[in-house]
Amino acid sequence: MPKFLVEASYTVEGTRGLLARGGSARRQAVEELLNSLGGTLEAFYFTFGGDDAVLIIDVPSNETALAIAMTVRASGMVTSKMTALLPIEELDRAAKLPIHFSPPGS
């Protein structure tokens, strides 16, 4: 199952909701969303600095991840960035693929 790192920041209104209901409610909402789509939540941490939260999620497909990202962003309560996480074995297989490439200018 594809795995993604999600970096999220709450808008002012989203932060108000977070303050009103707490972090546990937010984690539960994310777990319910993922479970309804056949996915799981591996990790959920609140942070301070550039982002408000980081998550690691497993979902059935890239399309599922995209649907989640669009729906969450469309709420207007969260901005987010989703990065695919690739296992080392995929890198090992990719490194063995025969790639024929001509750099620009050659």
PDB file of N, CA and C in Angstrom:
ATOM      1  N   MET A   1       0.847  -1.163   0.000  1.00  0.00           N
ATOM      2  CA  MET A   1       0.000   0.000   0.000  1.00  0.00           C
ATOM      3  C   MET A   1       0.900   1.237   0.000  1.00  0.00           C
ATOM      4  N   PRO A   2       0.612   2.220  -0.863  1.00  0.00           N
ATOM      5  CA  PRO A   2       1.426   3.437  -0.873  1.00  0.00           C
ATOM      6  C   PRO A   2       1.401   4.154   0.475  1.00  0.00           C
ATOM      7  N   LYS A   3       2.542   4.707   0.825  1.00  0.00           N
ATOM      8  CA  LYS A   3       2.726   5.398   2.099  1.00  0.00           C
ATOM      9  C   LYS A   3       3.092   6.847   1.783  1.00  0.00           C
ATOM     10  N   PHE A   4       2.543   7.783   2.573  1.00  0.00           N
ATOM     11  CA  PHE A   4       2.774   9.202   2.334  1.00  0.00           C
ATOM     12  C   PHE A   4       3.096   9.933   3.627  1.00  0.00           C
ATOM     13  N   LEU A   5       3.969  10.918   3.508  1.00  0.00           N
ATOM     14  CA  LEU A   5       4.219  11.882   4.563  1.00  0.00           C
ATOM     15  C   LEU A   5       3.317  13.074   4.279  1.00  0.00           C
ATOM     16  N   VAL A   6       2.522  13.458   5.254  1.00  0.00           N
ATOM     17  CA  VAL A   6       1.644  14.613   5.106  1.00  0.00           C
ATOM     18  C   VAL A   6       2.127  15.688   6.070  1.00  0.00           C
ATOM     19  N   GLU A   7       2.390  16.869   5.535  1.00  0.00           N
ATOM     20  CA  GLU A   7       2.756  18.028   6.338  1.00  0.00           C
ATOM     21  C   GLU A   7       1.583  18.992   6.270  1.00  0.00           C
ATOM     22  N   ALA A   8       1.005  19.313   7.423  1.00  0.00           N
ATOM     23  CA  ALA A   8      -0.226  20.094   7.449  1.00  0.00           C
ATOM     24  C   ALA A   8      -0.071  21.342   8.299  1.00  0.00           C
ATOM     25  N   SER A   9      -0.749  22.400   7.857  1.00  0.00           N
ATOM     26  CA  SER A   9      -0.832  23.639   8.623  1.00  0.00           C
ATOM     27  C   SER A   9      -2.292  24.045   8.671  1.00  0.00           C
ATOM     28  N   TYR A  10      -2.739  24.442   9.854  1.00  0.00           N
ATOM     29  CA  TYR A  10      -4.115  24.847  10.038  1.00  0.00           C
ATOM     30  C   TYR A  10      -4.266  26.337   9.757  1.00  0.00           C
ATOM     31  N   THR A  11      -5.380  26.698   9.115  1.00  0.00           N
ATOM     32  CA  THR A  11      -5.718  28.101   8.941  1.00  0.00           C
ATOM     33  C   THR A  11      -6.164  28.639  10.296  1.00  0.00           C
ATOM     34  N   VAL A  12      -6.452  29.920  10.366  1.00  0.00           N
ATOM     35  CA  VAL A  12      -6.926  30.503  11.619  1.00  0.00           C
ATOM     36  C   VAL A  12      -8.195  29.781  12.082  1.00  0.00           C
ATOM     37  N   GLU A  13      -9.129  29.589  11.172  1.00  0.00           N
ATOM     38  CA  GLU A  13     -10.375  28.909  11.524  1.00  0.00           C
ATOM     39  C   GLU A  13     -10.125  27.451  11.910  1.00  0.00           C
ATOM     40  N   GLY A  14      -9.224  26.792  11.207  1.00  0.00           N
ATOM     41  CA  GLY A  14      -8.875  25.418  11.564  1.00  0.00           C
ATOM     42  C   GLY A  14      -8.236  25.327  12.936  1.00  0.00           C
ATOM     43  N   THR A  15      -7.413  26.295  13.270  1.00  0.00           N
ATOM     44  CA  THR A  15      -6.775  26.325  14.587  1.00  0.00           C
ATOM     45  C   THR A  15      -7.814  26.550  15.677  1.00  0.00           C
ATOM     46  N   ARG A  16      -8.806  27.366  15.409  1.00  0.00           N
ATOM     47  CA  ARG A  16      -9.891  27.557  16.386  1.00  0.00           C
ATOM     48  C   ARG A  16     -10.613  26.242  16.648  1.00  0.00           C
ATOM     49  N   GLY A  17     -10.860  25.498  15.590  1.00  0.00           N
ATOM     50  CA  GLY A  17     -11.505  24.194  15.756  1.00  0.00           C
ATOM     51  C   GLY A  17     -10.634  23.230  16.538  1.00  0.00           C
ATOM     52  N   LEU A  18      -9.345  23.267  16.278  1.00  0.00           N
ATOM     53  CA  LEU A  18      -8.403  22.414  16.997  1.00  0.00           C
ATOM     54  C   LEU A  18      -8.377  22.771  18.484  1.00  0.00           C
ATOM     55  N   LEU A  19      -8.371  24.051  18.791  1.00  0.00           N
ATOM     56  CA  LEU A  19      -8.392  24.490  20.189  1.00  0.00           C
ATOM     57  C   LEU A  19      -9.691  24.069  20.879  1.00  0.00           C
ATOM     58  N   ALA A  20     -10.793  24.100  20.163  1.00  0.00           N
ATOM     59  CA  ALA A  20     -12.089  23.763  20.752  1.00  0.00           C
ATOM     60  C   ALA A  20     -12.241  22.267  21.014  1.00  0.00           C
ATOM     61  N   ARG A  21     -11.703  21.421  20.121  1.00  0.00           N
ATOM     62  CA  ARG A  21     -11.941  19.982  20.226  1.00  0.00           C
ATOM     63  C   ARG A  21     -10.711  19.186  20.630  1.00  0.00           C
ATOM     64  N   GLY A  22      -9.526  19.748  20.483  1.00  0.00           N
ATOM     65  CA  GLY A  22      -8.307  19.072  20.907  1.00  0.00           C
ATOM     66  C   GLY A  22      -7.687  18.185  19.847  1.00  0.00           C
ATOM     67  N   GLY A  23      -6.459  17.769  20.121  1.00  0.00           N
ATOM     68  CA  GLY A  23      -5.681  16.957  19.187  1.00  0.00           C
ATOM     69  C   GLY A  23      -6.204  15.531  19.038  1.00  0.00           C
ATOM     70  N   SER A  24      -6.705  14.955  20.117  1.00  0.00           N
ATOM     71  CA  SER A  24      -7.216  13.579  20.037  1.00  0.00           C
ATOM     72  C   SER A  24      -8.398  13.478  19.084  1.00  0.00           C
ATOM     73  N   ALA A  25      -9.259  14.488  19.085  1.00  0.00           N
ATOM     74  CA  ALA A  25     -10.400  14.498  18.170  1.00  0.00           C
ATOM     75  C   ALA A  25      -9.929  14.585  16.727  1.00  0.00           C
ATOM     76  N   ARG A  26      -8.857  15.343  16.490  1.00  0.00           N
ATOM     77  CA  ARG A  26      -8.337  15.475  15.126  1.00  0.00           C
ATOM     78  C   ARG A  26      -7.759  14.149  14.660  1.00  0.00           C
ATOM     79  N   ARG A  27      -6.999  13.480  15.544  1.00  0.00           N
ATOM     80  CA  ARG A  27      -6.445  12.174  15.182  1.00  0.00           C
ATOM     81  C   ARG A  27      -7.570  11.181  14.889  1.00  0.00           C
ATOM     82  N   GLN A  28      -8.608  11.186  15.705  1.00  0.00           N
ATOM     83  CA  GLN A  28      -9.734  10.280  15.487  1.00  0.00           C
ATOM     84  C   GLN A  28     -10.412  10.552  14.145  1.00  0.00           C
ATOM     85  N   ALA A  29     -10.578  11.827  13.800  1.00  0.00           N
ATOM     86  CA  ALA A  29     -11.195  12.181  12.515  1.00  0.00           C
ATOM     87  C   ALA A  29     -10.352  11.676  11.352  1.00  0.00           C
ATOM     88  N   VAL A  30      -9.037  11.807  11.458  1.00  0.00           N
ATOM     89  CA  VAL A  30      -8.140  11.325  10.400  1.00  0.00           C
ATOM     90  C   VAL A  30      -8.212   9.804  10.307  1.00  0.00           C
ATOM     91  N   GLU A  31      -8.203   9.122  11.439  1.00  0.00           N
ATOM     92  CA  GLU A  31      -8.297   7.656  11.429  1.00  0.00           C
ATOM     93  C   GLU A  31      -9.602   7.192  10.788  1.00  0.00           C
ATOM     94  N   GLU A  32     -10.708   7.850  11.118  1.00  0.00           N
ATOM     95  CA  GLU A  32     -12.004   7.488  10.536  1.00  0.00           C
ATOM     96  C   GLU A  32     -12.002   7.702   9.024  1.00  0.00           C
ATOM     97  N   LEU A  33     -11.448   8.821   8.578  1.00  0.00           N
ATOM     98  CA  LEU A  33     -11.353   9.087   7.142  1.00  0.00           C
ATOM     99  C   LEU A  33     -10.555   7.993   6.444  1.00  0.00           C
ATOM    100  N   LEU A  34      -9.368   7.700   6.969  1.00  0.00           N
ATOM    101  CA  LEU A  34      -8.506   6.695   6.341  1.00  0.00           C
ATOM    102  C   LEU A  34      -9.138   5.315   6.368  1.00  0.00           C
ATOM    103  N   ASN A  35      -9.725   4.929   7.492  1.00  0.00           N
ATOM    104  CA  ASN A  35     -10.367   3.613   7.598  1.00  0.00           C
ATOM    105  C   ASN A  35     -11.495   3.469   6.587  1.00  0.00           C
ATOM    106  N   SER A  36     -12.251   4.544   6.353  1.00  0.00           N
ATOM    107  CA  SER A  36     -13.364   4.477   5.405  1.00  0.00           C
ATOM    108  C   SER A  36     -12.891   4.245   3.980  1.00  0.00           C
ATOM    109  N   LEU A  37     -11.613   4.533   3.722  1.00  0.00           N
ATOM    110  CA  LEU A  37     -11.051   4.370   2.379  1.00  0.00           C
ATOM    111  C   LEU A  37     -10.099   3.180   2.289  1.00  0.00           C
ATOM    112  N   GLY A  38     -10.032   2.374   3.351  1.00  0.00           N
ATOM    113  CA  GLY A  38      -9.151   1.212   3.343  1.00  0.00           C
ATOM    114  C   GLY A  38      -7.717   1.536   3.712  1.00  0.00           C
ATOM    115  N   GLY A  39      -7.485   2.705   4.310  1.00  0.00           N
ATOM    116  CA  GLY A  39      -6.139   3.111   4.692  1.00  0.00           C
ATOM    117  C   GLY A  39      -5.931   3.063   6.188  1.00  0.00           C
ATOM    118  N   THR A  40      -4.726   3.421   6.610  1.00  0.00           N
ATOM    119  CA  THR A  40      -4.401   3.447   8.031  1.00  0.00           C
ATOM    120  C   THR A  40      -3.508   4.650   8.342  1.00  0.00           C
ATOM    121  N   LEU A  41      -3.546   5.037   9.596  1.00  0.00           N
ATOM    122  CA  LEU A  41      -2.700   6.107  10.103  1.00  0.00           C
ATOM    123  C   LEU A  41      -1.544   5.465  10.846  1.00  0.00           C
ATOM    124  N   GLU A  42      -0.327   5.674  10.362  1.00  0.00           N
ATOM    125  CA  GLU A  42       0.859   5.114  11.005  1.00  0.00           C
ATOM    126  C   GLU A  42       1.371   6.027  12.109  1.00  0.00           C
ATOM    127  N   ALA A  43       1.339   7.333  11.869  1.00  0.00           N
ATOM    128  CA  ALA A  43       1.838   8.283  12.863  1.00  0.00           C
ATOM    129  C   ALA A  43       1.152   9.628  12.680  1.00  0.00           C
ATOM    130  N   PHE A  44       0.955  10.331  13.800  1.00  0.00           N
ATOM    131  CA  PHE A  44       0.372  11.669  13.779  1.00  0.00           C
ATOM    132  C   PHE A  44       1.039  12.444  14.904  1.00  0.00           C
ATOM    133  N   TYR A  45       1.753  13.487  14.537  1.00  0.00           N
ATOM    134  CA  TYR A  45       2.443  14.327  15.513  1.00  0.00           C
ATOM    135  C   TYR A  45       2.095  15.780  15.275  1.00  0.00           C
ATOM    136  N   PHE A  46       1.842  16.506  16.356  1.00  0.00           N
ATOM    137  CA  PHE A  46       1.735  17.945  16.258  1.00  0.00           C
ATOM    138  C   PHE A  46       3.130  18.518  16.401  1.00  0.00           C
ATOM    139  N   THR A  47       3.374  19.630  15.718  1.00  0.00           N
ATOM    140  CA  THR A  47       4.700  20.234  15.702  1.00  0.00           C
ATOM    141  C   THR A  47       4.559  21.739  15.899  1.00  0.00           C
ATOM    142  N   PHE A  48       5.661  22.394  16.095  1.00  0.00           N
ATOM    143  CA  PHE A  48       5.661  23.850  16.001  1.00  0.00           C
ATOM    144  C   PHE A  48       6.861  24.224  15.168  1.00  0.00           C
ATOM    145  N   GLY A  49       6.689  25.266  14.412  1.00  0.00           N
ATOM    146  CA  GLY A  49       7.683  25.658  13.424  1.00  0.00           C
ATOM    147  C   GLY A  49       6.960  25.923  12.124  1.00  0.00           C
ATOM    148  N   GLY A  50       7.446  25.345  11.047  1.00  0.00           N
ATOM    149  CA  GLY A  50       6.855  25.577   9.735  1.00  0.00           C
ATOM    150  C   GLY A  50       5.487  24.956   9.547  1.00  0.00           C
ATOM    151  N   ASP A  51       5.259  23.784  10.109  1.00  0.00           N
ATOM    152  CA  ASP A  51       3.981  23.077   9.977  1.00  0.00           C
ATOM    153  C   ASP A  51       3.378  22.873  11.359  1.00  0.00           C
ATOM    154  N   ASP A  52       2.076  22.595  11.378  1.00  0.00           N
ATOM    155  CA  ASP A  52       1.387  22.335  12.635  1.00  0.00           C
ATOM    156  C   ASP A  52       1.323  20.847  12.963  1.00  0.00           C
ATOM    157  N   ALA A  53       1.377  20.003  11.936  1.00  0.00           N
ATOM    158  CA  ALA A  53       1.281  18.562  12.159  1.00  0.00           C
ATOM    159  C   ALA A  53       1.979  17.818  11.036  1.00  0.00           C
ATOM    160  N   VAL A  54       2.483  16.636  11.360  1.00  0.00           N
ATOM    161  CA  VAL A  54       3.022  15.719  10.357  1.00  0.00           C
ATOM    162  C   VAL A  54       2.381  14.355  10.592  1.00  0.00           C
ATOM    163  N   LEU A  55       2.050  13.703   9.495  1.00  0.00           N
ATOM    164  CA  LEU A  55       1.398  12.403   9.559  1.00  0.00           C
ATOM    165  C   LEU A  55       2.090  11.459   8.593  1.00  0.00           C
ATOM    166  N   ILE A  56       2.043  10.190   8.890  1.00  0.00           N
ATOM    167  CA  ILE A  56       2.420   9.161   7.935  1.00  0.00           C
ATOM    168  C   ILE A  56       1.182   8.295   7.761  1.00  0.00           C
ATOM    169  N   ILE A  57       0.731   8.204   6.509  1.00  0.00           N
ATOM    170  CA  ILE A  57      -0.488   7.458   6.209  1.00  0.00           C
ATOM    171  C   ILE A  57      -0.211   6.383   5.171  1.00  0.00           C
ATOM    172  N   ASP A  58      -0.993   5.321   5.226  1.00  0.00           N
ATOM    173  CA  ASP A  58      -0.989   4.271   4.219  1.00  0.00           C
ATOM    174  C   ASP A  58      -2.366   4.282   3.572  1.00  0.00           C
ATOM    175  N   VAL A  59      -2.401   4.338   2.253  1.00  0.00           N
ATOM    176  CA  VAL A  59      -3.672   4.335   1.527  1.00  0.00           C
ATOM    177  C   VAL A  59      -3.581   3.354   0.363  1.00  0.00           C
ATOM    178  N   PRO A  60      -4.734   2.890  -0.139  1.00  0.00           N
ATOM    179  CA  PRO A  60      -4.711   1.867  -1.184  1.00  0.00           C
ATOM    180  C   PRO A  60      -4.074   2.278  -2.515  1.00  0.00           C
ATOM    181  N   SER A  61      -4.089   3.580  -2.843  1.00  0.00           N
ATOM    182  CA  SER A  61      -3.590   3.990  -4.160  1.00  0.00           C
ATOM    183  C   SER A  61      -3.206   5.460  -4.151  1.00  0.00           C
ATOM    184  N   ASN A  62      -2.478   5.848  -5.188  1.00  0.00           N
ATOM    185  CA  ASN A  62      -2.159   7.266  -5.380  1.00  0.00           C
ATOM    186  C   ASN A  62      -3.426   8.086  -5.580  1.00  0.00           C
ATOM    187  N   GLU A  63      -4.418   7.500  -6.269  1.00  0.00           N
ATOM    188  CA  GLU A  63      -5.678   8.201  -6.493  1.00  0.00           C
ATOM    189  C   GLU A  63      -6.383   8.481  -5.170  1.00  0.00           C
ATOM    190  N   THR A  64      -6.325   7.523  -4.246  1.00  0.00           N
ATOM    191  CA  THR A  64      -6.923   7.725  -2.929  1.00  0.00           C
ATOM    192  C   THR A  64      -6.220   8.868  -2.210  1.00  0.00           C
ATOM    193  N   ALA A  65      -4.904   8.896  -2.275  1.00  0.00           N
ATOM    194  CA  ALA A  65      -4.138   9.972  -1.633  1.00  0.00           C
ATOM    195  C   ALA A  65      -4.511  11.321  -2.230  1.00  0.00           C
ATOM    196  N   LEU A  66      -4.639  11.383  -3.542  1.00  0.00           N
ATOM    197  CA  LEU A  66      -5.002  12.639  -4.201  1.00  0.00           C
ATOM    198  C   LEU A  66      -6.403  13.081  -3.797  1.00  0.00           C
ATOM    199  N   ALA A  67      -7.344  12.150  -3.735  1.00  0.00           N
ATOM    200  CA  ALA A  67      -8.713  12.483  -3.328  1.00  0.00           C
ATOM    201  C   ALA A  67      -8.732  13.032  -1.906  1.00  0.00           C
ATOM    202  N   ILE A  68      -7.966  12.425  -1.012  1.00  0.00           N
ATOM    203  CA  ILE A  68      -7.881  12.916   0.363  1.00  0.00           C
ATOM    204  C   ILE A  68      -7.301  14.326   0.372  1.00  0.00           C
ATOM    205  N   ALA A  69      -6.195  14.527  -0.327  1.00  0.00           N
ATOM    206  CA  ALA A  69      -5.531  15.828  -0.330  1.00  0.00           C
ATOM    207  C   ALA A  69      -6.468  16.919  -0.848  1.00  0.00           C
ATOM    208  N   MET A  70      -7.177  16.649  -1.935  1.00  0.00           N
ATOM    209  CA  MET A  70      -8.067  17.661  -2.508  1.00  0.00           C
ATOM    210  C   MET A  70      -9.225  17.969  -1.570  1.00  0.00           C
ATOM    211  N   THR A  71      -9.793  16.934  -0.952  1.00  0.00           N
ATOM    212  CA  THR A  71     -10.926  17.134  -0.050  1.00  0.00           C
ATOM    213  C   THR A  71     -10.521  17.934   1.179  1.00  0.00           C
ATOM    214  N   VAL A  72      -9.369  17.590   1.760  1.00  0.00           N
ATOM    215  CA  VAL A  72      -8.902  18.296   2.950  1.00  0.00           C
ATOM    216  C   VAL A  72      -8.602  19.751   2.615  1.00  0.00           C
ATOM    217  N   ARG A  73      -7.926  19.988   1.514  1.00  0.00           N
ATOM    218  CA  ARG A  73      -7.594  21.368   1.132  1.00  0.00           C
ATOM    219  C   ARG A  73      -8.846  22.179   0.813  1.00  0.00           C
ATOM    220  N   ALA A  74      -9.835  21.520   0.190  1.00  0.00           N
ATOM    221  CA  ALA A  74     -11.067  22.218  -0.178  1.00  0.00           C
ATOM    222  C   ALA A  74     -11.861  22.660   1.047  1.00  0.00           C
ATOM    223  N   SER A  75     -11.592  22.077   2.195  1.00  0.00           N
ATOM    224  CA  SER A  75     -12.291  22.482   3.417  1.00  0.00           C
ATOM    225  C   SER A  75     -11.939  23.910   3.801  1.00  0.00           C
ATOM    226  N   GLY A  76     -10.778  24.397   3.358  1.00  0.00           N
ATOM    227  CA  GLY A  76     -10.333  25.722   3.705  1.00  0.00           C
ATOM    228  C   GLY A  76      -9.773  25.826   5.116  1.00  0.00           C
ATOM    229  N   MET A  77      -9.718  24.704   5.839  1.00  0.00           N
ATOM    230  CA  MET A  77      -9.245  24.712   7.217  1.00  0.00           C
ATOM    231  C   MET A  77      -7.790  24.271   7.355  1.00  0.00           C
ATOM    232  N   VAL A  78      -7.256  23.661   6.280  1.00  0.00           N
ATOM    233  CA  VAL A  78      -5.918  23.072   6.336  1.00  0.00           C
ATOM    234  C   VAL A  78      -5.221  23.314   5.006  1.00  0.00           C
ATOM    235  N   THR A  79      -3.949  23.660   5.064  1.00  0.00           N
ATOM    236  CA  THR A  79      -3.101  23.588   3.879  1.00  0.00           C
ATOM    237  C   THR A  79      -2.166  22.414   4.114  1.00  0.00           C
ATOM    238  N   SER A  80      -1.818  21.726   3.043  1.00  0.00           N
ATOM    239  CA  SER A  80      -1.010  20.526   3.255  1.00  0.00           C
ATOM    240  C   SER A  80      -0.120  20.232   2.061  1.00  0.00           C
ATOM    241  N   LYS A  81       0.862  19.409   2.337  1.00  0.00           N
ATOM    242  CA  LYS A  81       1.776  18.904   1.312  1.00  0.00           C
ATOM    243  C   LYS A  81       1.873  17.402   1.553  1.00  0.00           C
ATOM    244  N   MET A  82       1.756  16.621   0.488  1.00  0.00           N
ATOM    245  CA  MET A  82       1.801  15.173   0.604  1.00  0.00           C
ATOM    246  C   MET A  82       2.981  14.659  -0.220  1.00  0.00           C
ATOM    247  N   THR A  83       3.861  13.878   0.411  1.00  0.00           N
ATOM    248  CA  THR A  83       5.049  13.355  -0.240  1.00  0.00           C
ATOM    249  C   THR A  83       5.010  11.836  -0.211  1.00  0.00           C
ATOM    250  N   ALA A  84       5.172  11.208  -1.375  1.00  0.00           N
ATOM    251  CA  ALA A  84       5.217   9.746  -1.436  1.00  0.00           C
ATOM    252  C   ALA A  84       6.478   9.244  -0.730  1.00  0.00           C
ATOM    253  N   LEU A  85       6.319   8.210   0.075  1.00  0.00           N
ATOM    254  CA  LEU A  85       7.452   7.584   0.761  1.00  0.00           C
ATOM    255  C   LEU A  85       7.707   6.228   0.109  1.00  0.00           C
ATOM    256  N   LEU A  86       8.908   6.039  -0.386  1.00  0.00           N
ATOM    257  CA  LEU A  86       9.239   4.824  -1.128  1.00  0.00           C
ATOM    258  C   LEU A  86      10.149   3.933  -0.294  1.00  0.00           C
ATOM    259  N   PRO A  87       9.816   2.654  -0.209  1.00  0.00           N
ATOM    260  CA  PRO A  87      10.698   1.748   0.535  1.00  0.00           C
ATOM    261  C   PRO A  87      12.052   1.600  -0.160  1.00  0.00           C
ATOM    262  N   ILE A  88      13.057   1.267   0.597  1.00  0.00           N
ATOM    263  CA  ILE A  88      14.414   1.096   0.067  1.00  0.00           C
ATOM    264  C   ILE A  88      14.437   0.084  -1.067  1.00  0.00           C
ATOM    265  N   GLU A  89      13.639  -0.962  -0.962  1.00  0.00           N
ATOM    266  CA  GLU A  89      13.614  -1.996  -2.004  1.00  0.00           C
ATOM    267  C   GLU A  89      13.186  -1.428  -3.353  1.00  0.00           C
ATOM    268  N   GLU A  90      12.296  -0.437  -3.349  1.00  0.00           N
ATOM    269  CA  GLU A  90      11.899   0.186  -4.612  1.00  0.00           C
ATOM    270  C   GLU A  90      13.061   0.954  -5.214  1.00  0.00           C
ATOM    271  N   LEU A  91      13.830   1.633  -4.389  1.00  0.00           N
ATOM    272  CA  LEU A  91      15.013   2.326  -4.887  1.00  0.00           C
ATOM    273  C   LEU A  91      15.999   1.321  -5.469  1.00  0.00           C
ATOM    274  N   ASP A  92      16.195   0.200  -4.791  1.00  0.00           N
ATOM    275  CA  ASP A  92      17.114  -0.819  -5.296  1.00  0.00           C
ATOM    276  C   ASP A  92      16.671  -1.333  -6.668  1.00  0.00           C
ATOM    277  N   ARG A  93      15.362  -1.577  -6.831  1.00  0.00           N
ATOM    278  CA  ARG A  93      14.859  -2.042  -8.133  1.00  0.00           C
ATOM    279  C   ARG A  93      15.002  -0.955  -9.192  1.00  0.00           C
ATOM    280  N   ALA A  94      14.704   0.290  -8.810  1.00  0.00           N
ATOM    281  CA  ALA A  94      14.819   1.400  -9.763  1.00  0.00           C
ATOM    282  C   ALA A  94      16.257   1.583 -10.221  1.00  0.00           C
ATOM    283  N   ALA A  95      17.200   1.417  -9.313  1.00  0.00           N
ATOM    284  CA  ALA A  95      18.614   1.604  -9.650  1.00  0.00           C
ATOM    285  C   ALA A  95      19.089   0.586 -10.677  1.00  0.00           C
ATOM    286  N   LYS A  96      18.391  -0.526 -10.797  1.00  0.00           N
ATOM    287  CA  LYS A  96      18.789  -1.582 -11.739  1.00  0.00           C
ATOM    288  C   LYS A  96      18.101  -1.465 -13.093  1.00  0.00           C
ATOM    289  N   LEU A  97      17.173  -0.531 -13.235  1.00  0.00           N
ATOM    290  CA  LEU A  97      16.496  -0.382 -14.521  1.00  0.00           C
ATOM    291  C   LEU A  97      17.441   0.218 -15.550  1.00  0.00           C
ATOM    292  N   PRO A  98      17.430  -0.301 -16.775  1.00  0.00           N
ATOM    293  CA  PRO A  98      18.300   0.266 -17.815  1.00  0.00           C
ATOM    294  C   PRO A  98      17.702   1.574 -18.333  1.00  0.00           C
ATOM    295  N   ILE A  99      18.355   2.660 -18.025  1.00  0.00           N
ATOM    296  CA  ILE A  99      17.882   3.985 -18.434  1.00  0.00           C
ATOM    297  C   ILE A  99      18.883   4.562 -19.439  1.00  0.00           C
ATOM    298  N   HIS A 100      18.376   4.973 -20.577  1.00  0.00           N
ATOM    299  CA  HIS A 100      19.199   5.606 -21.597  1.00  0.00           C
ATOM    300  C   HIS A 100      18.811   7.072 -21.650  1.00  0.00           C
ATOM    301  N   PHE A 101      19.738   7.932 -21.269  1.00  0.00           N
ATOM    302  CA  PHE A 101      19.445   9.360 -21.126  1.00  0.00           C
ATOM    303  C   PHE A 101      20.574  10.169 -21.739  1.00  0.00           C
ATOM    304  N   SER A 102      20.192  11.189 -22.500  1.00  0.00           N
ATOM    305  CA  SER A 102      21.158  12.141 -23.051  1.00  0.00           C
ATOM    306  C   SER A 102      20.951  13.467 -22.345  1.00  0.00           C
ATOM    307  N   PRO A 103      21.952  13.934 -21.574  1.00  0.00           N
ATOM    308  CA  PRO A 103      21.794  15.223 -20.897  1.00  0.00           C
ATOM    309  C   PRO A 103      21.638  16.351 -21.902  1.00  0.00           C
ATOM    310  N   PRO A 104      20.980  17.439 -21.504  1.00  0.00           N
ATOM    311  CA  PRO A 104      20.846  18.580 -22.413  1.00  0.00           C
ATOM    312  C   PRO A 104      22.207  19.054 -22.915  1.00  0.00           C
ATOM    313  N   GLY A 105      22.288  19.339 -24.188  1.00  0.00           N
ATOM    314  CA  GLY A 105      23.507  19.852 -24.782  1.00  0.00           C
ATOM    315  C   GLY A 105      24.467  18.765 -25.259  1.00  0.00           C
ATOM    316  N   SER A 106      24.083  17.505 -25.080  1.00  0.00           N
ATOM    317  CA  SER A 106      25.023  16.465 -25.548  1.00  0.00           C
ATOM    318  C   SER A 106      24.565  15.862 -26.855  1.00  0.00           C
TER     319      SER A 106
END
